[in-house]
C-alpha atoms as a PDB file:
ATOM      1  CA  MET A   1      93.265  27.140  38.595  1.00  0.00           C
ATOM      2  CA  LEU A   2      89.668  28.129  38.121  1.00  0.00           C
ATOM      3  CA  PHE A   3      89.350  29.705  41.616  1.00  0.00           C
ATOM      4  CA  ARG A   4      91.631  30.719  44.430  1.00  0.00           C
ATOM      5  CA  ARG A   5      91.220  29.724  47.842  1.00  0.00           C
ATOM      6  CA  ASN A   6      90.293  32.229  50.476  1.00  0.00           C
ATOM      7  CA  ALA A   7      93.924  32.955  51.863  1.00  0.00           C
ATOM      8  CA  ASP A   8      92.648  33.585  55.398  1.00  0.00           C
ATOM      9  CA  LYS A   9      90.768  30.355  55.956  1.00  0.00           C
ATOM     10  CA  GLY A  10      91.796  27.828  53.064  1.00  0.00           C
ATOM     11  CA  ARG A  11      88.192  27.523  52.020  1.00  0.00           C
ATOM     12  CA  LEU A  12      86.149  28.621  49.052  1.00  0.00           C
ATOM     13  CA  THR A  13      84.312  31.925  49.085  1.00  0.00           C
ATOM     14  CA  ARG A  14      80.517  32.051  48.907  1.00  0.00           C
ATOM     15  CA  ALA A  15      80.761  33.180  45.225  1.00  0.00           C
ATOM     16  CA  GLN A  16      83.102  30.357  44.330  1.00  0.00           C
ATOM     17  CA  HIS A  17      80.942  27.805  46.094  1.00  0.00           C
ATOM     18  CA  ARG A  18      77.887  28.959  44.108  1.00  0.00           C
ATOM     19  CA  ALA A  19      79.842  28.877  40.786  1.00  0.00           C
ATOM     20  CA  TYR A  20      80.837  25.225  41.537  1.00  0.00           C
ATOM     21  CA  VAL A  21      77.387  24.353  42.252  1.00  0.00           C
ATOM     22  CA  PHE A  22      76.115  26.167  39.030  1.00  0.00           C
ATOM     23  CA  ILE A  23      78.691  24.191  37.040  1.00  0.00           C
ATOM     24  CA  ILE A  24      77.715  20.757  38.583  1.00  0.00           C
ATOM     25  CA  LEU A  25      73.885  21.519  38.002  1.00  0.00           C
ATOM     26  CA  CYS A  26      74.457  22.470  34.372  1.00  0.00           C
ATOM     27  CA  SER A  27      76.407  19.332  33.930  1.00  0.00           C
ATOM     28  CA  ILE A  28      73.821  17.254  35.347  1.00  0.00           C
ATOM     29  CA  VAL A  29      71.091  18.875  33.145  1.00  0.00           C
ATOM     30  CA  LEU A  30      73.227  18.446  30.050  1.00  0.00           C
ATOM     31  CA  MET A  31      74.052  14.820  30.785  1.00  0.00           C
ATOM     32  CA  TYR A  32      70.293  14.078  31.252  1.00  0.00           C
ATOM     33  CA  LEU A  33      69.357  15.898  28.071  1.00  0.00           C
ATOM     34  CA  GLY A  34      72.219  14.239  26.072  1.00  0.00           C
ATOM     35  CA  LEU A  35      72.035  10.748  27.382  1.00  0.00           C
ATOM     36  CA  GLY A  36      68.573  10.343  28.745  1.00  0.00           C
ATOM     37  CA  ARG A  37      66.592  12.370  26.218  1.00  0.00           C
ATOM     38  CA  GLY A  38      68.736  11.987  23.122  1.00  0.00           C
ATOM     39  CA  MET A  39      69.460  15.641  22.579  1.00  0.00           C
ATOM     40  CA  ARG A  40      70.974  16.155  19.107  1.00  0.00           C
ATOM     41  CA  PHE A  41      71.912  19.212  17.159  1.00  0.00           C
ATOM     42  CA  PHE A  42      71.112  19.857  13.411  1.00  0.00           C
ATOM     43  CA  LEU A  43      71.337  22.404  10.699  1.00  0.00           C
ATOM     44  CA  VAL A  44      68.365  22.773   8.506  1.00  0.00           C
ATOM     45  CA  PRO A  45      69.631  22.065   4.947  1.00  0.00           C
ATOM     46  CA  SER A  46      66.695  23.323   2.593  1.00  0.00           C
ATOM     47  CA  ALA A  47      63.699  25.623   2.349  1.00  0.00           C
ATOM     48  CA  SER A  48      61.206  22.713   2.685  1.00  0.00           C
ATOM     49  CA  MET A  49      60.007  23.803   6.253  1.00  0.00           C
ATOM     50  CA  GLU A  50      59.664  27.611   5.504  1.00  0.00           C
ATOM     51  CA  PRO A  51      58.305  29.681   6.841  1.00  0.00           C
ATOM     52  CA  THR A  52      58.576  27.843  10.275  1.00  0.00           C
ATOM     53  CA  LEU A  53      62.293  26.912   9.858  1.00  0.00           C
ATOM     54  CA  LEU A  54      64.634  28.622   7.573  1.00  0.00           C
ATOM     55  CA  THR A  55      67.651  27.269   5.587  1.00  0.00           C
ATOM     56  CA  ARG A  56      70.703  27.451   7.771  1.00  0.00           C
ATOM     57  CA  ASP A  57      68.754  27.549  11.154  1.00  0.00           C
ATOM     58  CA  TYR A  58      70.476  25.516  13.837  1.00  0.00           C
ATOM     59  CA  ILE A  59      68.065  23.333  15.827  1.00  0.00           C
ATOM     60  CA  ILE A  60      67.980  21.183  18.794  1.00  0.00           C
ATOM     61  CA  THR A  61      65.859  17.963  18.963  1.00  0.00           C
ATOM     62  CA  LEU A  62      64.859  15.775  21.957  1.00  0.00           C
ATOM     63  CA  LYS A  63      63.572  12.219  21.797  1.00  0.00           C
ATOM     64  CA  ASP A  64      59.857  11.805  22.886  1.00  0.00           C
ATOM     65  CA  ARG A  65      57.936   8.690  23.930  1.00  0.00           C
ATOM     66  CA  GLN A  66      55.117   9.454  21.654  1.00  0.00           C
ATOM     67  CA  TYR A  67      54.787  11.892  18.453  1.00  0.00           C
ATOM     68  CA  ARG A  68      51.562  13.622  17.589  1.00  0.00           C
ATOM     69  CA  ARG A  69      50.265  15.422  14.616  1.00  0.00           C
ATOM     70  CA  GLY A  70      51.707  18.805  14.375  1.00  0.00           C
ATOM     71  CA  ASP A  71      55.112  17.817  15.737  1.00  0.00           C
ATOM     72  CA  ILE A  72      58.015  18.991  13.800  1.00  0.00           C
ATOM     73  CA  VAL A  73      60.652  16.211  13.785  1.00  0.00           C
ATOM     74  CA  VAL A  74      64.010  15.236  12.454  1.00  0.00           C
ATOM     75  CA  LEU A  75      64.124  11.868  10.802  1.00  0.00           C
ATOM     76  CA  THR A  76      66.511   9.502   8.928  1.00  0.00           C
ATOM     77  CA  ASP A  77      65.944  10.128   5.222  1.00  0.00           C
ATOM     78  CA  PRO A  78      64.141   7.050   3.804  1.00  0.00           C
ATOM     79  CA  LYS A  79      66.100   7.346   0.489  1.00  0.00           C
ATOM     80  CA  ASP A  80      69.494   7.996   1.994  1.00  0.00           C
ATOM     81  CA  LYS A  81      70.373   6.448   5.298  1.00  0.00           C
ATOM     82  CA  GLU A  82      73.237   8.824   5.918  1.00  0.00           C
ATOM     83  CA  ALA A  83      71.204  11.931   5.675  1.00  0.00           C
ATOM     84  CA  TYR A  84      68.426  13.588   7.991  1.00  0.00           C
ATOM     85  CA  LEU A  85      65.190  15.510   7.077  1.00  0.00           C
ATOM     86  CA  VAL A  86      63.157  17.924   9.155  1.00  0.00           C
ATOM     87  CA  LYS A  87      59.345  17.514   8.607  1.00  0.00           C
ATOM     88  CA  ARG A  88      55.969  18.100  10.192  1.00  0.00           C
ATOM     89  CA  ILE A  89      53.850  15.127  11.244  1.00  0.00           C
ATOM     90  CA  VAL A  90      50.436  15.443   9.593  1.00  0.00           C
ATOM     91  CA  GLY A  91      49.167  11.738  10.151  1.00  0.00           C
ATOM     92  CA  VAL A  92      49.679   9.048  12.773  1.00  0.00           C
ATOM     93  CA  ALA A  93      48.751   5.532  12.935  1.00  0.00           C
ATOM     94  CA  GLY A  94      45.030   4.946  12.041  1.00  0.00           C
ATOM     95  CA  ASP A  95      44.606   8.391  10.194  1.00  0.00           C
ATOM     96  CA  THR A  96      43.564   8.545   6.556  1.00  0.00           C
ATOM     97  CA  VAL A  97      45.468  11.521   5.017  1.00  0.00           C
ATOM     98  CA  GLU A  98      44.516  13.074   1.650  1.00  0.00           C
ATOM     99  CA  ILE A  99      45.207  16.250  -0.280  1.00  0.00           C
ATOM    100  CA  ASP A 100      42.000  17.269  -2.106  1.00  0.00           C
ATOM    101  CA  PRO A 101      41.946  18.604  -5.718  1.00  0.00           C
ATOM    102  CA  GLY A 102      41.613  22.216  -4.189  1.00  0.00           C
ATOM    103  CA  GLY A 103      44.881  21.682  -2.273  1.00  0.00           C
ATOM    104  CA  ALA A 104      43.490  21.260   1.169  1.00  0.00           C
ATOM    105  CA  LEU A 105      44.596  18.698   3.702  1.00  0.00           C
ATOM    106  CA  LEU A 106      42.015  16.245   4.853  1.00  0.00           C
ATOM    107  CA  ILE A 107      42.638  14.053   7.874  1.00  0.00           C
ATOM    108  CA  ASN A 108      40.033  11.204   8.115  1.00  0.00           C
ATOM    109  CA  GLY A 109      37.951  12.806   5.427  1.00  0.00           C
ATOM    110  CA  LYS A 110      37.658  16.206   7.177  1.00  0.00           C
ATOM    111  CA  TYR A 111      39.434  19.460   6.494  1.00  0.00           C
ATOM    112  CA  ALA A 112      42.302  20.420   8.692  1.00  0.00           C
ATOM    113  CA  SER A 113      43.523  23.977   9.045  1.00  0.00           C
ATOM    114  CA  GLU A 114      47.143  24.632   8.647  1.00  0.00           C
ATOM    115  CA  PRO A 115      48.113  28.310   9.210  1.00  0.00           C
ATOM    116  CA  TYR A 116      51.798  27.551   9.189  1.00  0.00           C
ATOM    117  CA  ILE A 117      52.156  26.523   5.593  1.00  0.00           C
ATOM    118  CA  LYS A 118      53.953  28.778   3.181  1.00  0.00           C
ATOM    119  CA  GLU A 119      51.317  28.655   0.428  1.00  0.00           C
ATOM    120  CA  PRO A 120      48.404  26.494  -0.658  1.00  0.00           C
ATOM    121  CA  MET A 121      49.128  23.124  -2.006  1.00  0.00           C
ATOM    122  CA  GLU A 122      49.185  22.887  -5.875  1.00  0.00           C
ATOM    123  CA  PHE A 123      48.630  19.085  -6.057  1.00  0.00           C
ATOM    124  CA  HIS A 124      46.395  16.234  -5.326  1.00  0.00           C
ATOM    125  CA  PHE A 125      47.128  13.158  -3.188  1.00  0.00           C
ATOM    126  CA  PRO A 126      44.657  10.296  -2.875  1.00  0.00           C
ATOM    127  CA  PRO A 127      43.581   8.988   0.475  1.00  0.00           C
ATOM    128  CA  MET A 128      46.229   6.993   2.364  1.00  0.00           C
ATOM    129  CA  LYS A 129      45.628   5.053   5.543  1.00  0.00           C
ATOM    130  CA  ILE A 130      48.653   5.246   7.922  1.00  0.00           C
ATOM    131  CA  GLY A 131      49.644   1.925   9.359  1.00  0.00           C
ATOM    132  CA  PRO A 132      50.741   1.083  12.996  1.00  0.00           C
ATOM    133  CA  GLY A 133      54.054   2.553  13.976  1.00  0.00           C
ATOM    134  CA  GLU A 134      54.079   4.875  11.194  1.00  0.00           C
ATOM    135  CA  VAL A 135      53.600   8.698  10.499  1.00  0.00           C
ATOM    136  CA  PHE A 136      52.877  10.742   7.433  1.00  0.00           C
ATOM    137  CA  VAL A 137      55.270  13.768   7.179  1.00  0.00           C
ATOM    138  CA  MET A 138      55.187  16.841   5.098  1.00  0.00           C
ATOM    139  CA  GLY A 139      57.275  20.035   4.772  1.00  0.00           C
ATOM    140  CA  ASP A 140      55.589  23.297   5.525  1.00  0.00           C
ATOM    141  CA  ASN A 141      56.667  24.582   2.016  1.00  0.00           C
ATOM    142  CA  ARG A 142      54.459  21.967   0.628  1.00  0.00           C
ATOM    143  CA  ASN A 143      55.127  22.816  -3.046  1.00  0.00           C
ATOM    144  CA  ASP A 144      58.900  22.465  -2.532  1.00  0.00           C
ATOM    145  CA  SER A 145      59.344  19.569  -0.205  1.00  0.00           C
ATOM    146  CA  GLU A 146      60.358  15.836  -0.620  1.00  0.00           C
ATOM    147  CA  ASP A 147      58.194  14.010   1.928  1.00  0.00           C
ATOM    148  CA  SER A 148      55.584  11.392   2.361  1.00  0.00           C
ATOM    149  CA  VAL A 149      53.647  12.690  -0.656  1.00  0.00           C
ATOM    150  CA  THR A 150      56.534  12.424  -3.067  1.00  0.00           C
ATOM    151  CA  TRP A 151      57.732   9.067  -1.603  1.00  0.00           C
ATOM    152  CA  LYS A 152      54.003   7.868  -1.611  1.00  0.00           C
ATOM    153  CA  GLU A 153      54.578   6.245   1.800  1.00  0.00           C
ATOM    154  CA  ALA A 154      54.529   6.874   5.534  1.00  0.00           C
ATOM    155  CA  VAL A 155      57.586   6.712   7.502  1.00  0.00           C
ATOM    156  CA  PRO A 156      58.244   4.303  10.374  1.00  0.00           C
ATOM    157  CA  VAL A 157      58.227   6.085  13.750  1.00  0.00           C
ATOM    158  CA  LYS A 158      61.595   4.275  14.577  1.00  0.00           C
ATOM    159  CA  LYS A 159      63.109   6.580  12.037  1.00  0.00           C
ATOM    160  CA  ILE A 160      62.424   9.750  14.100  1.00  0.00           C
ATOM    161  CA  ILE A 161      65.523  11.035  15.765  1.00  0.00           C
ATOM    162  CA  GLY A 162      63.499  13.539  17.812  1.00  0.00           C
ATOM    163  CA  ARG A 163      61.144  16.489  18.023  1.00  0.00           C
ATOM    164  CA  VAL A 164      62.578  19.916  17.171  1.00  0.00           C
ATOM    165  CA  ARG A 165      62.491  21.993  20.488  1.00  0.00           C
ATOM    166  CA  LEU A 166      64.620  25.042  19.800  1.00  0.00           C
ATOM    167  CA  ILE A 167      66.399  27.214  17.174  1.00  0.00           C
ATOM    168  CA  TYR A 168      69.792  28.154  18.640  1.00  0.00           C
ATOM    169  CA  ASN A 169      71.303  29.973  15.688  1.00  0.00           C
ATOM    170  CA  PRO A 170      71.161  32.512  14.103  1.00  0.00           C
ATOM    171  CA  LEU A 171      71.133  34.765  17.078  1.00  0.00           C
ATOM    172  CA  GLY A 172      68.110  36.765  15.754  1.00  0.00           C
ATOM    173  CA  ARG A 173      65.940  33.528  15.536  1.00  0.00           C
ATOM    174  CA  ILE A 174      66.726  31.917  18.978  1.00  0.00           C
ATOM    175  CA  GLY A 175      63.805  30.541  20.557  1.00  0.00           C
ATOM    176  CA  PRO A 176      61.540  27.653  21.114  1.00  0.00           C
ATOM    177  CA  VAL A 177      59.916  25.717  18.243  1.00  0.00           C
ATOM    178  CA  ARG A 178      56.295  24.806  19.228  1.00  0.00           C
ATOM    179  CA  SER A 179      54.077  22.105  17.849  1.00  0.00           C
ATOM    180  CA  PHE A 180      50.863  23.038  16.253  1.00  0.00           C
ATOM    181  CA  PRO A 181      47.881  21.031  17.609  1.00  0.00           C
ATOM    182  CA  LEU A 182      46.886  19.724  14.161  1.00  0.00           C
ATOM    183  CA  THR A 183      43.238  18.423  14.080  1.00  0.00           C
ATOM    184  CA  ASN A 184      40.439  18.162  11.510  1.00  0.00           C
ATOM    185  CA  LEU A 185      37.074  20.008  11.706  1.00  0.00           C
ATOM    186  CA  ALA A 186      35.743  17.020  13.656  1.00  0.00           C
ATOM    187  CA  GLY A 187      38.349  17.669  16.428  1.00  0.00           C
ATOM    188  CA  GLU A 188      40.125  14.486  15.710  1.00  0.00           C
END
């Protein structure tokens, strides 16, 4: 038995009552996150998102109604339906994404600052218009990432499992994973 009843009155003590209420509230929150928001747990398998996410980080995702530039998401691998990838959205429907010869990201023809990337990009990618219902994704470790650049295609939004919200292991890295508001110099 989890708790003993108060022998004098046959009722739960105040502490026992609070413990039951706490357990019920936690159960409701977990059911909402799991069933209502599609909470999922993943292990980061590679270094493609360094320095933001490290190999062997354990992460939690939640499904969102809408995804924006700068969001870090887990998606189904377009090349392997049984695998998942974690990437950052750098372009949404209607955007034109380009990597100029100097290695800078251009969104709609304007420079976009990316302080989170591991190192400057060592490649060029010609302008690509992102279609309706698609996103352009890249790893933060741009020179060591399999993403929209290597596939030469955007990814359907329906392939997104959820936005990364939290690192829950290893213990020294526990904390929220925040999106970066990615805009170009024109503020778009």
